[in-house]
N, C-alpha and C. Protein backbone atom coordinates (compact mmCIF):
# COMPACT_ATOMS: atom_id res chain seq x y z
N MET A 1 121.19 174.64 93.94
CA MET A 1 120.96 173.26 93.60
C MET A 1 121.79 172.34 94.47
N LEU A 2 121.17 171.21 94.67
CA LEU A 2 121.87 170.20 95.44
C LEU A 2 122.79 169.41 94.53
N SER A 3 123.91 169.14 95.04
CA SER A 3 124.83 168.34 94.24
C SER A 3 124.56 166.85 94.51
N ARG A 4 124.63 166.10 93.49
CA ARG A 4 124.41 164.65 93.58
C ARG A 4 125.73 163.92 93.53
N ARG A 5 125.81 162.95 94.35
CA ARG A 5 126.99 162.09 94.29
C ARG A 5 126.73 160.95 93.32
N VAL A 6 127.68 160.64 92.59
CA VAL A 6 127.58 159.52 91.67
C VAL A 6 128.22 158.32 92.36
N VAL A 7 127.40 157.32 92.55
CA VAL A 7 127.88 156.12 93.21
C VAL A 7 128.03 155.03 92.16
N THR A 8 129.16 154.45 92.13
CA THR A 8 129.38 153.34 91.20
C THR A 8 129.46 152.05 92.01
N LEU A 9 128.80 151.07 91.50
CA LEU A 9 128.81 149.77 92.15
C LEU A 9 129.93 148.94 91.56
N ARG A 10 130.69 148.40 92.42
CA ARG A 10 131.76 147.53 91.95
C ARG A 10 131.41 146.10 92.36
N MET A 11 131.40 145.25 91.42
CA MET A 11 131.13 143.85 91.70
C MET A 11 132.47 143.16 91.87
N SER A 12 132.63 142.58 93.01
CA SER A 12 133.87 141.87 93.25
C SER A 12 133.82 140.54 92.51
N VAL A 13 134.90 140.19 91.97
CA VAL A 13 134.98 138.94 91.23
C VAL A 13 135.49 137.88 92.20
N LEU A 14 134.56 137.02 92.62
CA LEU A 14 134.91 135.95 93.53
C LEU A 14 134.90 134.63 92.78
N PRO A 15 135.79 133.75 93.12
CA PRO A 15 135.74 132.44 92.46
C PRO A 15 134.50 131.68 92.91
N HIS A 16 133.88 130.97 92.00
CA HIS A 16 132.70 130.17 92.33
C HIS A 16 133.14 128.89 93.02
N VAL A 17 132.51 128.60 94.11
CA VAL A 17 132.80 127.38 94.85
C VAL A 17 131.90 126.29 94.30
N THR A 18 132.48 125.16 93.97
CA THR A 18 131.68 124.06 93.45
C THR A 18 131.66 122.94 94.48
N LEU A 19 130.52 122.28 94.57
CA LEU A 19 130.35 121.17 95.50
C LEU A 19 129.62 120.07 94.77
N GLY A 20 130.27 118.98 94.55
CA GLY A 20 129.64 117.85 93.89
C GLY A 20 129.32 118.11 92.43
N GLY A 21 130.10 118.89 91.74
CA GLY A 21 129.88 119.12 90.33
C GLY A 21 128.88 120.22 90.01
N ARG A 22 128.40 120.94 91.01
CA ARG A 22 127.50 122.05 90.74
C ARG A 22 127.95 123.25 91.56
N LYS A 23 127.53 124.39 91.13
CA LYS A 23 127.93 125.60 91.83
C LYS A 23 127.26 125.66 93.19
N PHE A 24 128.02 126.12 94.18
CA PHE A 24 127.51 126.21 95.55
C PHE A 24 126.40 127.25 95.64
N SER A 25 126.45 128.23 94.78
CA SER A 25 125.46 129.31 94.84
C SER A 25 124.09 128.89 94.31
N GLU A 26 124.03 127.77 93.57
CA GLU A 26 122.74 127.30 93.06
C GLU A 26 121.91 126.77 94.22
N LYS A 27 120.67 127.21 94.31
CA LYS A 27 119.79 126.72 95.36
C LYS A 27 118.87 125.68 94.77
N ARG A 28 118.90 124.51 95.36
CA ARG A 28 118.14 123.40 94.83
C ARG A 28 117.63 122.57 96.00
N ALA A 29 116.38 122.18 95.96
CA ALA A 29 115.83 121.34 97.01
C ALA A 29 116.24 119.89 96.78
N GLY A 30 116.54 119.20 97.83
CA GLY A 30 116.84 117.79 97.72
C GLY A 30 118.33 117.50 97.78
N PRO A 31 118.66 116.23 97.75
CA PRO A 31 120.06 115.83 97.83
C PRO A 31 120.79 116.06 96.51
N ILE A 32 122.08 115.89 96.57
CA ILE A 32 122.91 116.01 95.37
C ILE A 32 122.53 114.88 94.42
N PRO A 33 122.35 115.16 93.13
CA PRO A 33 121.92 114.12 92.19
C PRO A 33 122.94 112.98 92.09
N LEU A 34 122.40 111.79 91.78
CA LEU A 34 123.25 110.62 91.57
C LEU A 34 123.96 110.73 90.23
N PRO A 35 125.06 109.99 90.08
CA PRO A 35 125.67 109.91 88.76
C PRO A 35 124.68 109.28 87.77
N ARG A 36 124.85 109.55 86.50
CA ARG A 36 123.89 109.16 85.47
C ARG A 36 123.59 107.66 85.47
N ASP A 37 124.62 106.81 85.53
CA ASP A 37 124.37 105.37 85.47
C ASP A 37 123.67 104.86 86.73
N ASP A 38 124.00 105.42 87.89
CA ASP A 38 123.30 105.03 89.13
C ASP A 38 121.84 105.48 89.10
N GLN A 39 121.59 106.67 88.56
CA GLN A 39 120.22 107.17 88.47
C GLN A 39 119.38 106.30 87.53
N GLU A 40 119.96 105.89 86.40
CA GLU A 40 119.24 105.03 85.46
C GLU A 40 118.94 103.67 86.08
N GLU A 41 119.90 103.11 86.84
CA GLU A 41 119.67 101.83 87.51
C GLU A 41 118.57 101.97 88.56
N PHE A 42 118.59 103.07 89.32
CA PHE A 42 117.56 103.31 90.33
C PHE A 42 116.17 103.40 89.70
N GLU A 43 116.05 104.13 88.61
CA GLU A 43 114.76 104.27 87.93
C GLU A 43 114.29 102.93 87.36
N ARG A 44 115.23 102.12 86.84
CA ARG A 44 114.87 100.80 86.31
C ARG A 44 114.35 99.90 87.43
N LEU A 45 115.02 99.90 88.57
CA LEU A 45 114.59 99.08 89.69
C LEU A 45 113.25 99.55 90.26
N GLN A 46 113.02 100.86 90.27
CA GLN A 46 111.74 101.39 90.72
C GLN A 46 110.61 100.95 89.80
N LYS A 47 110.89 100.96 88.50
CA LYS A 47 109.88 100.55 87.53
C LYS A 47 109.52 99.08 87.71
N ILE A 48 110.52 98.24 87.96
CA ILE A 48 110.28 96.81 88.17
C ILE A 48 109.49 96.60 89.47
N ALA A 49 109.88 97.31 90.53
CA ALA A 49 109.22 97.14 91.82
C ALA A 49 107.77 97.58 91.78
N ASN A 50 107.44 98.55 90.96
CA ASN A 50 106.07 99.06 90.88
C ASN A 50 105.22 98.33 89.84
N SER A 51 105.78 97.33 89.19
CA SER A 51 105.03 96.62 88.16
C SER A 51 104.14 95.55 88.79
N GLN A 52 103.17 95.09 88.05
CA GLN A 52 102.26 94.04 88.52
C GLN A 52 103.00 92.72 88.67
N ALA A 53 104.03 92.49 87.87
CA ALA A 53 104.79 91.24 87.96
C ALA A 53 105.45 91.09 89.33
N ALA A 54 105.99 92.18 89.87
CA ALA A 54 106.62 92.12 91.18
C ALA A 54 105.59 91.84 92.27
N ILE A 55 104.41 92.41 92.14
CA ILE A 55 103.34 92.18 93.11
C ILE A 55 102.88 90.73 93.05
N ASP A 56 102.71 90.21 91.83
CA ASP A 56 102.30 88.81 91.68
C ASP A 56 103.36 87.86 92.25
N GLU A 57 104.63 88.17 92.01
CA GLU A 57 105.71 87.34 92.53
C GLU A 57 105.70 87.33 94.06
N TYR A 58 105.46 88.48 94.67
CA TYR A 58 105.41 88.57 96.14
C TYR A 58 104.22 87.78 96.68
N ASN A 59 103.06 87.91 96.05
CA ASN A 59 101.88 87.17 96.49
C ASN A 59 102.08 85.66 96.34
N GLN A 60 102.77 85.25 95.28
CA GLN A 60 103.07 83.83 95.05
C GLN A 60 103.94 83.28 96.18
N LYS A 61 104.93 84.07 96.61
CA LYS A 61 105.79 83.64 97.71
C LYS A 61 104.99 83.47 98.99
N LEU A 62 104.06 84.37 99.23
CA LEU A 62 103.24 84.27 100.44
C LEU A 62 102.32 83.05 100.40
N GLU A 63 101.75 82.75 99.25
CA GLU A 63 100.85 81.61 99.13
C GLU A 63 101.60 80.29 99.30
N ASN A 64 102.82 80.22 98.84
CA ASN A 64 103.59 78.97 98.90
C ASN A 64 104.37 78.80 100.20
N ASN A 65 104.26 79.73 101.12
CA ASN A 65 105.00 79.66 102.37
C ASN A 65 104.29 78.69 103.32
N PRO A 66 104.90 77.53 103.66
CA PRO A 66 104.24 76.55 104.53
C PRO A 66 104.08 77.06 105.97
N LEU A 67 104.97 77.90 106.43
CA LEU A 67 104.90 78.43 107.78
C LEU A 67 103.66 79.31 107.95
N ARG A 68 103.33 80.07 106.94
CA ARG A 68 102.18 80.96 106.99
C ARG A 68 100.89 80.17 107.19
N GLU A 69 100.74 79.08 106.46
CA GLU A 69 99.51 78.28 106.55
C GLU A 69 99.39 77.60 107.90
N SER A 70 100.50 77.10 108.46
CA SER A 70 100.42 76.42 109.74
C SER A 70 100.09 77.40 110.87
N VAL A 71 100.57 78.59 110.80
CA VAL A 71 100.29 79.59 111.83
C VAL A 71 98.83 80.01 111.77
N HIS A 72 98.31 80.26 110.57
CA HIS A 72 96.93 80.74 110.43
C HIS A 72 95.90 79.64 110.62
N SER A 73 96.24 78.40 110.34
CA SER A 73 95.27 77.33 110.52
C SER A 73 95.08 76.99 112.00
N ALA A 74 96.08 77.26 112.85
CA ALA A 74 95.98 76.95 114.27
C ALA A 74 95.06 77.92 115.01
N SER A 75 94.94 79.15 114.53
CA SER A 75 94.12 80.13 115.24
C SER A 75 92.67 80.03 114.78
N PRO A 76 91.72 79.95 115.72
CA PRO A 76 90.31 79.89 115.33
C PRO A 76 89.83 81.23 114.80
N LYS A 77 88.90 81.17 113.87
CA LYS A 77 88.36 82.39 113.28
C LYS A 77 87.36 83.01 114.25
N GLN A 78 87.55 84.30 114.55
CA GLN A 78 86.64 85.01 115.44
C GLN A 78 86.22 86.31 114.77
N GLU A 79 85.13 86.84 115.25
CA GLU A 79 84.65 88.10 114.72
C GLU A 79 85.62 89.22 115.11
N ILE A 80 85.86 90.13 114.19
CA ILE A 80 86.77 91.23 114.46
C ILE A 80 86.20 92.09 115.57
N GLY A 81 87.01 92.40 116.55
CA GLY A 81 86.58 93.25 117.65
C GLY A 81 85.69 92.55 118.65
N GLY A 82 85.68 91.22 118.67
CA GLY A 82 84.81 90.49 119.57
C GLY A 82 85.06 90.78 121.04
N PHE A 83 86.32 90.93 121.44
CA PHE A 83 86.65 91.18 122.84
C PHE A 83 87.24 92.57 123.04
N SER A 84 87.27 93.37 122.04
CA SER A 84 87.89 94.68 122.12
C SER A 84 86.95 95.70 122.75
N PRO A 85 87.42 96.49 123.74
CA PRO A 85 86.52 97.44 124.41
C PRO A 85 86.05 98.57 123.52
N GLU A 86 86.80 98.93 122.48
CA GLU A 86 86.35 100.04 121.65
C GLU A 86 85.16 99.67 120.77
N TYR A 87 84.90 98.36 120.62
CA TYR A 87 83.74 97.94 119.85
C TYR A 87 82.55 97.55 120.74
N SER A 88 82.74 97.66 122.06
CA SER A 88 81.63 97.30 122.95
C SER A 88 80.57 98.40 122.92
N ARG A 89 79.38 98.01 123.25
CA ARG A 89 78.25 98.92 123.15
C ARG A 89 78.21 99.85 124.36
N THR A 90 77.86 101.11 124.13
CA THR A 90 77.72 102.08 125.21
C THR A 90 76.42 101.81 125.95
N ILE A 91 76.50 101.71 127.28
CA ILE A 91 75.31 101.50 128.09
C ILE A 91 74.83 102.87 128.55
N PRO A 92 73.65 103.29 128.11
CA PRO A 92 73.18 104.64 128.46
C PRO A 92 72.83 104.73 129.94
N GLU A 93 73.10 105.90 130.54
CA GLU A 93 72.78 106.13 131.95
C GLU A 93 71.36 106.67 132.13
N PHE A 94 70.73 107.11 131.04
CA PHE A 94 69.37 107.65 131.13
C PHE A 94 68.65 107.43 129.82
N GLU A 95 67.34 107.51 129.86
CA GLU A 95 66.50 107.35 128.67
C GLU A 95 66.13 108.73 128.13
N GLY A 96 65.91 108.82 126.84
CA GLY A 96 65.47 110.07 126.24
C GLY A 96 66.62 110.91 125.74
N ASP A 97 66.30 112.17 125.38
CA ASP A 97 67.28 113.07 124.78
C ASP A 97 67.85 114.07 125.78
N VAL A 98 67.21 114.23 126.95
CA VAL A 98 67.64 115.22 127.94
C VAL A 98 68.25 114.51 129.14
N ASN A 99 69.47 114.92 129.51
CA ASN A 99 70.15 114.37 130.68
C ASN A 99 69.44 114.90 131.93
N PRO A 100 68.88 114.03 132.80
CA PRO A 100 68.13 114.51 133.96
C PRO A 100 69.01 115.18 135.01
N ILE A 101 70.30 114.88 135.05
CA ILE A 101 71.18 115.47 136.06
C ILE A 101 71.64 116.86 135.64
N THR A 102 72.12 117.00 134.39
CA THR A 102 72.67 118.27 133.93
C THR A 102 71.69 119.09 133.12
N GLY A 103 70.65 118.46 132.59
CA GLY A 103 69.70 119.17 131.74
C GLY A 103 70.19 119.36 130.31
N GLU A 104 71.29 118.73 129.96
CA GLU A 104 71.86 118.86 128.62
C GLU A 104 70.99 118.12 127.61
N VAL A 105 70.73 118.77 126.48
CA VAL A 105 69.91 118.18 125.44
C VAL A 105 70.83 117.67 124.33
N GLY A 106 70.67 116.41 123.95
CA GLY A 106 71.45 115.84 122.85
C GLY A 106 72.89 115.53 123.21
N GLY A 107 73.22 115.44 124.46
CA GLY A 107 74.59 115.16 124.88
C GLY A 107 74.87 113.67 124.94
N PRO A 108 76.04 113.30 125.46
CA PRO A 108 76.38 111.89 125.57
C PRO A 108 75.50 111.18 126.59
N LYS A 109 75.25 109.90 126.36
CA LYS A 109 74.41 109.10 127.25
C LYS A 109 75.17 108.66 128.50
N GLN A 110 76.49 108.71 128.47
CA GLN A 110 77.31 108.43 129.65
C GLN A 110 78.09 109.69 130.00
N ASP A 111 78.37 109.90 131.29
CA ASP A 111 79.15 111.06 131.70
C ASP A 111 80.60 110.85 131.28
N PRO A 112 81.12 111.67 130.35
CA PRO A 112 82.49 111.45 129.88
C PRO A 112 83.55 111.83 130.91
N LEU A 113 83.19 112.59 131.94
CA LEU A 113 84.17 113.02 132.93
C LEU A 113 84.08 112.21 134.23
N ARG A 114 83.42 111.10 134.20
CA ARG A 114 83.21 110.29 135.41
C ARG A 114 84.53 109.86 136.04
N HIS A 115 85.51 109.50 135.25
CA HIS A 115 86.78 108.99 135.77
C HIS A 115 87.86 110.07 135.81
N GLY A 116 87.49 111.32 135.59
CA GLY A 116 88.47 112.41 135.62
C GLY A 116 89.09 112.71 134.27
N ASP A 117 88.89 111.84 133.29
CA ASP A 117 89.37 112.05 131.93
C ASP A 117 88.17 112.05 131.01
N TYR A 118 88.32 112.63 129.82
CA TYR A 118 87.25 112.63 128.84
C TYR A 118 87.28 111.27 128.15
N SER A 119 86.40 110.37 128.55
CA SER A 119 86.48 108.99 128.05
C SER A 119 85.10 108.46 127.70
N PHE A 120 85.09 107.51 126.78
CA PHE A 120 83.90 106.75 126.41
C PHE A 120 84.29 105.29 126.35
N ASN A 121 83.50 104.44 127.01
CA ASN A 121 83.77 103.00 127.05
C ASN A 121 85.17 102.69 127.57
N GLY A 122 85.66 103.48 128.49
CA GLY A 122 86.98 103.25 129.06
C GLY A 122 88.11 103.71 128.17
N ARG A 123 87.82 104.34 127.06
CA ARG A 123 88.85 104.80 126.14
C ARG A 123 88.95 106.32 126.26
N VAL A 124 90.11 106.81 126.68
CA VAL A 124 90.31 108.23 126.90
C VAL A 124 90.63 108.91 125.58
N THR A 125 89.96 110.03 125.32
CA THR A 125 90.22 110.80 124.12
C THR A 125 90.90 112.10 124.50
N ASP A 126 91.80 112.55 123.67
CA ASP A 126 92.53 113.79 123.90
C ASP A 126 92.08 114.80 122.87
N PHE A 127 91.86 116.00 123.29
CA PHE A 127 91.44 117.04 122.35
C PHE A 127 92.17 118.31 122.61
């Protein structure tokens, strides 16, 4: 018969290191918690900031701001994207569904590699 060794595990008694009022060995996500009174004040302020009263108060300040009205009244109203190239219409290079140069069916109406980059209406896309 084979003899078996008896192995005893000894647990070393190490002092627990504490950091900020909690044991260092505790694993917890996030920062160290605030003191109780600071946490209560933070939650109270968050509740006020997320209430409809705070939103109404902010909107009231914006409506009563004389600088805001003078800045916006000086600029003429224009259609959004009136001069922006990304809203300009694509001019097709060919009619129909088949590209006569490449024979591609259902492809883009303009050659996207014409300028060396993959672009439409002068706007380069990265993929």
